C-alpha atoms as a PDB file:
ATOM      1  CA  MET A   1     -61.887 140.469   2.416  1.00  0.00           C
ATOM      2  CA  THR A   2     -59.585 138.511   4.717  1.00  0.00           C
ATOM      3  CA  ASP A   3     -55.818 138.984   4.851  1.00  0.00           C
ATOM      4  CA  SER A   4     -55.390 135.791   2.824  1.00  0.00           C
ATOM      5  CA  GLU A   5     -57.724 137.128   0.126  1.00  0.00           C
ATOM      6  CA  TYR A   6     -55.900 140.459  -0.012  1.00  0.00           C
ATOM      7  CA  LYS A   7     -52.584 138.619  -0.404  1.00  0.00           C
ATOM      8  CA  ALA A   8     -54.023 136.377  -3.096  1.00  0.00           C
ATOM      9  CA  ALA A   9     -55.304 139.416  -4.986  1.00  0.00           C
ATOM     10  CA  ALA A  10     -51.938 141.179  -4.697  1.00  0.00           C
ATOM     11  CA  GLU A  11     -50.168 138.028  -5.888  1.00  0.00           C
ATOM     12  CA  ALA A  12     -52.488 137.796  -8.888  1.00  0.00           C
ATOM     13  CA  ILE A  13     -51.786 141.419  -9.824  1.00  0.00           C
ATOM     14  CA  LEU A  14     -48.015 141.091  -9.452  1.00  0.00           C
ATOM     15  CA  PHE A  15     -47.934 137.793 -11.368  1.00  0.00           C
ATOM     16  CA  THR A  16     -50.014 139.168 -14.226  1.00  0.00           C
ATOM     17  CA  MET A  17     -48.164 142.480 -14.548  1.00  0.00           C
ATOM     18  CA  GLY A  18     -44.731 140.844 -14.535  1.00  0.00           C
ATOM     19  CA  THR A  19     -43.066 144.174 -13.734  1.00  0.00           C
ATOM     20  CA  ALA A  20     -42.723 146.224 -10.565  1.00  0.00           C
ATOM     21  CA  VAL A  21     -46.031 147.662  -9.344  1.00  0.00           C
ATOM     22  CA  PRO A  22     -46.063 150.738  -7.078  1.00  0.00           C
ATOM     23  CA  LEU A  23     -47.251 150.139  -3.509  1.00  0.00           C
ATOM     24  CA  HIS A  24     -49.866 152.875  -3.835  1.00  0.00           C
ATOM     25  CA  THR A  25     -51.250 151.297  -7.022  1.00  0.00           C
ATOM     26  CA  LEU A  26     -51.679 147.968  -5.266  1.00  0.00           C
ATOM     27  CA  ALA A  27     -53.353 149.640  -2.296  1.00  0.00           C
ATOM     28  CA  GLN A  28     -55.771 151.464  -4.571  1.00  0.00           C
ATOM     29  CA  ALA A  29     -56.628 148.277  -6.449  1.00  0.00           C
ATOM     30  CA  LEU A  30     -57.394 146.462  -3.186  1.00  0.00           C
ATOM     31  CA  GLU A  31     -59.100 149.558  -1.722  1.00  0.00           C
ATOM     32  CA  ILE A  32     -56.969 149.625   1.418  1.00  0.00           C
ATOM     33  CA  SER A  33     -54.456 152.077   2.878  1.00  0.00           C
ATOM     34  CA  ASP A  34     -50.820 152.157   1.811  1.00  0.00           C
ATOM     35  CA  GLU A  35     -49.826 151.217   5.361  1.00  0.00           C
ATOM     36  CA  ARG A  36     -52.061 148.154   5.358  1.00  0.00           C
ATOM     37  CA  MET A  37     -50.801 147.150   1.916  1.00  0.00           C
ATOM     38  CA  GLU A  38     -47.204 147.384   3.075  1.00  0.00           C
ATOM     39  CA  GLU A  39     -47.927 145.117   6.052  1.00  0.00           C
ATOM     40  CA  LEU A  40     -49.469 142.502   3.781  1.00  0.00           C
ATOM     41  CA  LEU A  41     -46.547 142.683   1.370  1.00  0.00           C
ATOM     42  CA  ARG A  42     -44.064 142.204   4.216  1.00  0.00           C
ATOM     43  CA  ASP A  43     -45.946 139.064   5.242  1.00  0.00           C
ATOM     44  CA  MET A  44     -45.887 137.838   1.636  1.00  0.00           C
ATOM     45  CA  GLU A  45     -42.170 138.562   1.370  1.00  0.00           C
ATOM     46  CA  THR A  46     -41.512 136.409   4.430  1.00  0.00           C
ATOM     47  CA  ALA A  47     -43.696 133.587   3.143  1.00  0.00           C
ATOM     48  CA  TYR A  48     -41.893 133.501  -0.192  1.00  0.00           C
ATOM     49  CA  GLN A  49     -38.566 132.993   1.608  1.00  0.00           C
ATOM     50  CA  ALA A  50     -39.593 129.418   2.466  1.00  0.00           C
ATOM     51  CA  PRO A  51     -37.299 126.864   0.744  1.00  0.00           C
ATOM     52  CA  GLU A  52     -40.217 125.205  -1.059  1.00  0.00           C
ATOM     53  CA  ARG A  53     -41.066 128.443  -2.870  1.00  0.00           C
ATOM     54  CA  GLY A  54     -39.387 129.131  -6.213  1.00  0.00           C
ATOM     55  CA  ILE A  55     -40.292 132.800  -6.427  1.00  0.00           C
ATOM     56  CA  GLN A  56     -39.563 135.809  -4.262  1.00  0.00           C
ATOM     57  CA  LEU A  57     -41.118 139.211  -3.641  1.00  0.00           C
ATOM     58  CA  ARG A  58     -38.666 142.032  -4.274  1.00  0.00           C
ATOM     59  CA  ARG A  59     -39.022 145.656  -3.236  1.00  0.00           C
ATOM     60  CA  LEU A  60     -37.724 148.204  -5.733  1.00  0.00           C
ATOM     61  CA  ASP A  61     -37.950 151.662  -4.188  1.00  0.00           C
ATOM     62  CA  ASP A  62     -41.679 152.041  -3.524  1.00  0.00           C
ATOM     63  CA  SER A  63     -42.689 149.239  -5.866  1.00  0.00           C
ATOM     64  CA  TYR A  64     -42.915 145.452  -5.606  1.00  0.00           C
ATOM     65  CA  GLN A  65     -42.230 142.709  -8.126  1.00  0.00           C
ATOM     66  CA  LEU A  66     -42.424 138.933  -8.201  1.00  0.00           C
ATOM     67  CA  SER A  67     -39.303 137.235  -9.563  1.00  0.00           C
ATOM     68  CA  THR A  68     -37.678 133.826  -9.560  1.00  0.00           C
ATOM     69  CA  LYS A  69     -35.094 133.001  -6.941  1.00  0.00           C
ATOM     70  CA  PRO A  70     -31.536 133.311  -8.299  1.00  0.00           C
ATOM     71  CA  GLN A  71     -30.553 129.794  -7.176  1.00  0.00           C
ATOM     72  CA  PHE A  72     -32.869 128.353  -9.820  1.00  0.00           C
ATOM     73  CA  PHE A  73     -31.380 130.340 -12.705  1.00  0.00           C
ATOM     74  CA  ARG A  74     -29.597 127.319 -14.222  1.00  0.00           C
ATOM     75  CA  GLN A  75     -32.790 125.264 -14.344  1.00  0.00           C
ATOM     76  CA  LEU A  76     -34.710 128.172 -15.859  1.00  0.00           C
ATOM     77  CA  VAL A  77     -32.128 128.641 -18.596  1.00  0.00           C
ATOM     78  CA  ALA A  78     -32.274 124.928 -19.428  1.00  0.00           C
ATOM     79  CA  VAL A  79     -35.974 125.263 -20.186  1.00  0.00           C
ATOM     80  CA  ALA A  80     -35.991 128.759 -21.696  1.00  0.00           C
ATOM     81  CA  SER A  81     -33.220 127.870 -24.148  1.00  0.00           C
ATOM     82  CA  GLN A  82     -35.249 125.014 -25.662  1.00  0.00           C
ATOM     83  CA  PRO A  83     -36.465 125.747 -29.211  1.00  0.00           C
ATOM     84  CA  LYS A  84     -40.072 126.900 -29.382  1.00  0.00           C
ATOM     85  CA  ARG A  85     -42.526 125.465 -31.866  1.00  0.00           C
ATOM     86  CA  TYR A  86     -45.110 127.672 -33.461  1.00  0.00           C
ATOM     87  CA  THR A  87     -47.911 126.667 -35.774  1.00  0.00           C
ATOM     88  CA  LEU A  88     -48.087 128.677 -38.983  1.00  0.00           C
ATOM     89  CA  SER A  89     -51.502 128.566 -40.622  1.00  0.00           C
ATOM     90  CA  GLN A  90     -52.011 129.118 -44.329  1.00  0.00           C
ATOM     91  CA  ALA A  91     -52.841 132.755 -43.602  1.00  0.00           C
ATOM     92  CA  LEU A  92     -49.583 133.244 -41.684  1.00  0.00           C
ATOM     93  CA  LEU A  93     -47.545 131.489 -44.374  1.00  0.00           C
ATOM     94  CA  GLU A  94     -49.048 133.652 -47.113  1.00  0.00           C
ATOM     95  CA  THR A  95     -48.385 136.834 -45.167  1.00  0.00           C
ATOM     96  CA  LEU A  96     -44.860 135.771 -44.232  1.00  0.00           C
ATOM     97  CA  ALA A  97     -44.023 134.909 -47.845  1.00  0.00           C
ATOM     98  CA  ILE A  98     -45.201 138.320 -49.035  1.00  0.00           C
ATOM     99  CA  VAL A  99     -43.138 140.099 -46.384  1.00  0.00           C
ATOM    100  CA  ALA A 100     -40.084 137.974 -47.191  1.00  0.00           C
ATOM    101  CA  TYR A 101     -40.188 138.650 -50.920  1.00  0.00           C
ATOM    102  CA  LYS A 102     -41.524 142.213 -50.964  1.00  0.00           C
ATOM    103  CA  GLN A 103     -39.876 143.691 -47.864  1.00  0.00           C
ATOM    104  CA  PRO A 104     -40.021 146.342 -46.728  1.00  0.00           C
ATOM    105  CA  VAL A 105     -43.759 146.214 -47.297  1.00  0.00           C
ATOM    106  CA  THR A 106     -46.805 147.892 -45.777  1.00  0.00           C
ATOM    107  CA  ARG A 107     -49.914 146.217 -44.437  1.00  0.00           C
ATOM    108  CA  LEU A 108     -51.952 147.759 -47.270  1.00  0.00           C
ATOM    109  CA  GLU A 109     -49.655 146.233 -49.899  1.00  0.00           C
ATOM    110  CA  ILE A 110     -49.938 142.836 -48.210  1.00  0.00           C
ATOM    111  CA  GLU A 111     -53.717 143.052 -48.107  1.00  0.00           C
ATOM    112  CA  LYS A 112     -53.885 144.037 -51.775  1.00  0.00           C
ATOM    113  CA  ILE A 113     -52.027 140.843 -52.639  1.00  0.00           C
ATOM    114  CA  ARG A 114     -53.883 138.546 -50.227  1.00  0.00           C
ATOM    115  CA  GLY A 115     -57.281 140.092 -50.800  1.00  0.00           C
ATOM    116  CA  VAL A 116     -58.203 139.874 -47.116  1.00  0.00           C
ATOM    117  CA  SER A 117     -57.444 141.715 -43.888  1.00  0.00           C
ATOM    118  CA  SER A 118     -53.992 140.753 -42.627  1.00  0.00           C
ATOM    119  CA  GLY A 119     -53.715 142.623 -39.340  1.00  0.00           C
ATOM    120  CA  HIS A 120     -54.074 139.510 -37.206  1.00  0.00           C
ATOM    121  CA  ALA A 121     -51.522 137.595 -39.280  1.00  0.00           C
ATOM    122  CA  LEU A 122     -49.006 140.450 -39.031  1.00  0.00           C
ATOM    123  CA  ASN A 123     -49.477 140.749 -35.276  1.00  0.00           C
ATOM    124  CA  ARG A 124     -48.981 137.009 -34.823  1.00  0.00           C
ATOM    125  CA  LEU A 125     -45.827 136.971 -36.972  1.00  0.00           C
ATOM    126  CA  VAL A 126     -44.429 139.891 -34.966  1.00  0.00           C
ATOM    127  CA  GLU A 127     -45.277 137.996 -31.776  1.00  0.00           C
ATOM    128  CA  TYR A 128     -43.425 134.950 -33.096  1.00  0.00           C
ATOM    129  CA  GLY A 129     -40.415 137.145 -33.878  1.00  0.00           C
ATOM    130  CA  LEU A 130     -40.457 136.240 -37.586  1.00  0.00           C
ATOM    131  CA  ILE A 131     -41.130 139.798 -38.792  1.00  0.00           C
ATOM    132  CA  GLU A 132     -40.617 143.244 -37.319  1.00  0.00           C
ATOM    133  CA  GLU A 133     -41.347 146.882 -37.995  1.00  0.00           C
ATOM    134  CA  ALA A 134     -38.825 148.228 -40.498  1.00  0.00           C
ATOM    135  CA  GLY A 135     -39.514 151.936 -40.427  1.00  0.00           C
ATOM    136  CA  ARG A 136     -42.260 153.941 -42.078  1.00  0.00           C
ATOM    137  CA  LEU A 137     -43.092 154.635 -45.695  1.00  0.00           C
ATOM    138  CA  ASN A 138     -42.503 158.232 -46.773  1.00  0.00           C
ATOM    139  CA  ALA A 139     -46.103 158.722 -47.855  1.00  0.00           C
ATOM    140  CA  PRO A 140     -49.286 160.291 -46.441  1.00  0.00           C
ATOM    141  CA  GLY A 141     -50.035 158.740 -43.073  1.00  0.00           C
ATOM    142  CA  ARG A 142     -46.504 157.283 -42.937  1.00  0.00           C
ATOM    143  CA  PRO A 143     -47.673 153.644 -42.755  1.00  0.00           C
ATOM    144  CA  LEU A 144     -45.505 151.065 -41.026  1.00  0.00           C
ATOM    145  CA  LEU A 145     -43.170 148.917 -43.085  1.00  0.00           C
ATOM    146  CA  PHE A 146     -42.512 145.264 -42.214  1.00  0.00           C
ATOM    147  CA  GLY A 147     -39.495 143.063 -42.844  1.00  0.00           C
ATOM    148  CA  THR A 148     -38.198 139.669 -41.746  1.00  0.00           C
ATOM    149  CA  THR A 149     -35.919 139.105 -38.741  1.00  0.00           C
ATOM    150  CA  GLU A 150     -32.900 136.993 -37.842  1.00  0.00           C
ATOM    151  CA  GLU A 151     -35.354 134.568 -36.216  1.00  0.00           C
ATOM    152  CA  PHE A 152     -36.961 134.110 -39.640  1.00  0.00           C
ATOM    153  CA  LEU A 153     -33.588 133.203 -41.156  1.00  0.00           C
ATOM    154  CA  ARG A 154     -32.833 130.739 -38.354  1.00  0.00           C
ATOM    155  CA  ALA A 155     -36.296 129.161 -38.483  1.00  0.00           C
ATOM    156  CA  PHE A 156     -36.066 128.501 -42.227  1.00  0.00           C
ATOM    157  CA  GLY A 157     -32.369 127.620 -42.351  1.00  0.00           C
ATOM    158  CA  LEU A 158     -31.284 130.674 -44.340  1.00  0.00           C
ATOM    159  CA  SER A 159     -28.096 132.723 -44.049  1.00  0.00           C
ATOM    160  CA  GLN A 160     -29.628 135.771 -45.691  1.00  0.00           C
ATOM    161  CA  THR A 161     -32.835 136.741 -47.453  1.00  0.00           C
ATOM    162  CA  GLY A 162     -30.951 136.419 -50.726  1.00  0.00           C
ATOM    163  CA  ASP A 163     -31.004 132.651 -50.148  1.00  0.00           C
ATOM    164  CA  LEU A 164     -34.770 132.569 -50.658  1.00  0.00           C
ATOM    165  CA  PRO A 165     -35.846 130.633 -53.764  1.00  0.00           C
ATOM    166  CA  GLN A 166     -35.950 132.996 -56.709  1.00  0.00           C
ATOM    167  CA  VAL A 167     -39.422 134.012 -57.845  1.00  0.00           C
ATOM    168  CA  SER A 168     -39.856 135.902 -61.104  1.00  0.00           C
ATOM    169  CA  ALA A 169     -42.236 138.827 -61.493  1.00  0.00           C
ATOM    170  CA  GLU A 170     -44.505 136.602 -63.584  1.00  0.00           C
ATOM    171  CA  GLU A 171     -44.554 133.888 -60.920  1.00  0.00           C
ATOM    172  CA  PHE A 172     -45.268 136.395 -58.194  1.00  0.00           C
ATOM    173  CA  GLU A 173     -48.109 137.895 -60.237  1.00  0.00           C
ATOM    174  CA  LYS A 174     -49.512 134.391 -60.658  1.00  0.00           C
ATOM    175  CA  MET A 175     -49.263 133.876 -56.889  1.00  0.00           C
ATOM    176  CA  LYS A 176     -51.108 137.163 -56.398  1.00  0.00           C
ATOM    177  CA  GLN A 177     -53.868 136.149 -58.805  1.00  0.00           C
ATOM    178  CA  MET A 178     -54.247 132.760 -57.100  1.00  0.00           C
ATOM    179  CA  ALA A 179     -54.475 134.405 -53.682  1.00  0.00           C
ATOM    180  CA  GLU A 180     -57.079 136.837 -54.962  1.00  0.00           C
ATOM    181  CA  ALA A 181     -59.076 133.998 -56.529  1.00  0.00           C
ATOM    182  CA  GLU A 182     -58.957 131.985 -53.298  1.00  0.00           C
ATOM    183  CA  ALA A 183     -59.987 135.032 -51.284  1.00  0.00           C
ATOM    184  CA  GLU A 184     -62.932 135.643 -53.635  1.00  0.00           C
ATOM    185  CA  ALA A 185     -63.994 132.007 -53.296  1.00  0.00           C
ATOM    186  CA  ASP A 186     -63.762 132.273 -49.535  1.00  0.00           C
ATOM    187  CA  ARG A 187     -65.908 135.411 -49.524  1.00  0.00           C
ATOM    188  CA  GLN A 188     -68.605 133.531 -51.399  1.00  0.00           C
ATOM    189  CA  GLU A 189     -68.494 130.494 -49.112  1.00  0.00           C
ATOM    190  CA  VAL A 190     -67.755 131.959 -45.683  1.00  0.00           C
ATOM    191  CA  PRO A 191     -69.675 134.695 -43.817  1.00  0.00           C
ATOM    192  CA  ALA A 192     -67.849 138.031 -44.015  1.00  0.00           C
ATOM    193  CA  GLU A 193     -67.221 138.253 -40.273  1.00  0.00           C
ATOM    194  CA  ASN A 194     -65.247 134.976 -40.381  1.00  0.00           C
ATOM    195  CA  ASN A 195     -63.274 135.735 -43.523  1.00  0.00           C
ATOM    196  CA  SER A 196     -60.459 137.948 -42.243  1.00  0.00           C
ATOM    197  CA  GLU A 197     -57.977 135.078 -41.807  1.00  0.00           C
ATOM    198  CA  LYS A 198     -57.641 131.523 -43.115  1.00  0.00           C
ATOM    199  CA  THR A 199     -56.416 128.836 -40.732  1.00  0.00           C
ATOM    200  CA  GLU A 200     -56.187 125.650 -42.791  1.00  0.00           C
ATOM    201  CA  SER A 201     -53.070 123.554 -43.463  1.00  0.00           C
ATOM    202  CA  PRO A 202     -51.022 124.590 -40.418  1.00  0.00           C
ATOM    203  CA  ILE A 203     -47.335 123.666 -40.249  1.00  0.00           C
ATOM    204  CA  ASP A 204     -44.966 123.678 -37.283  1.00  0.00           C
ATOM    205  CA  VAL A 205     -41.906 125.895 -37.300  1.00  0.00           C
ATOM    206  CA  GLU A 206     -39.177 125.496 -34.686  1.00  0.00           C
ATOM    207  CA  ILE A 207     -37.621 128.732 -33.429  1.00  0.00           C
END
């Protein structure tokens, strides 16, 4: 590999990791000596100082990290502070509704109501910041409990979870039966390997 290729590889690693990476780790990844790696990083650090570059290479003890230049902080904030829009599929909406009304609730309880695997939906809702881990159930295996977040309240214009529309036990049982019926219909129409999540009727939520 040429020097340019080594630098490109190091840049790719640092960009992808997002955090400080030890010099020795970079050298091992590129299969070169620590001394050679340090020389390349010094060259990269100098190159990033050019006024047309918006990022910089910072040394933190024996590690290196890519970061934005401080003079562009105001512009970054202007973009980062913009509301984000996420698409909530039917599967995500069903899972979110169950968490909102039954919280704190375990994944197993959610899947009993939905009738299908809900791991992907839960992970996506956590990623969106709409739900979070809310401790563990005091039961064998101590399964995780999930509850809604402040982001959920903001996204749906609520002050507290008590502002959610009231649903009686009978209505919730009817919702459960409908979900189970839909899941059974899906199992009959869709191959099992594609039936873990439903993706129809997406809606946009601004967060």
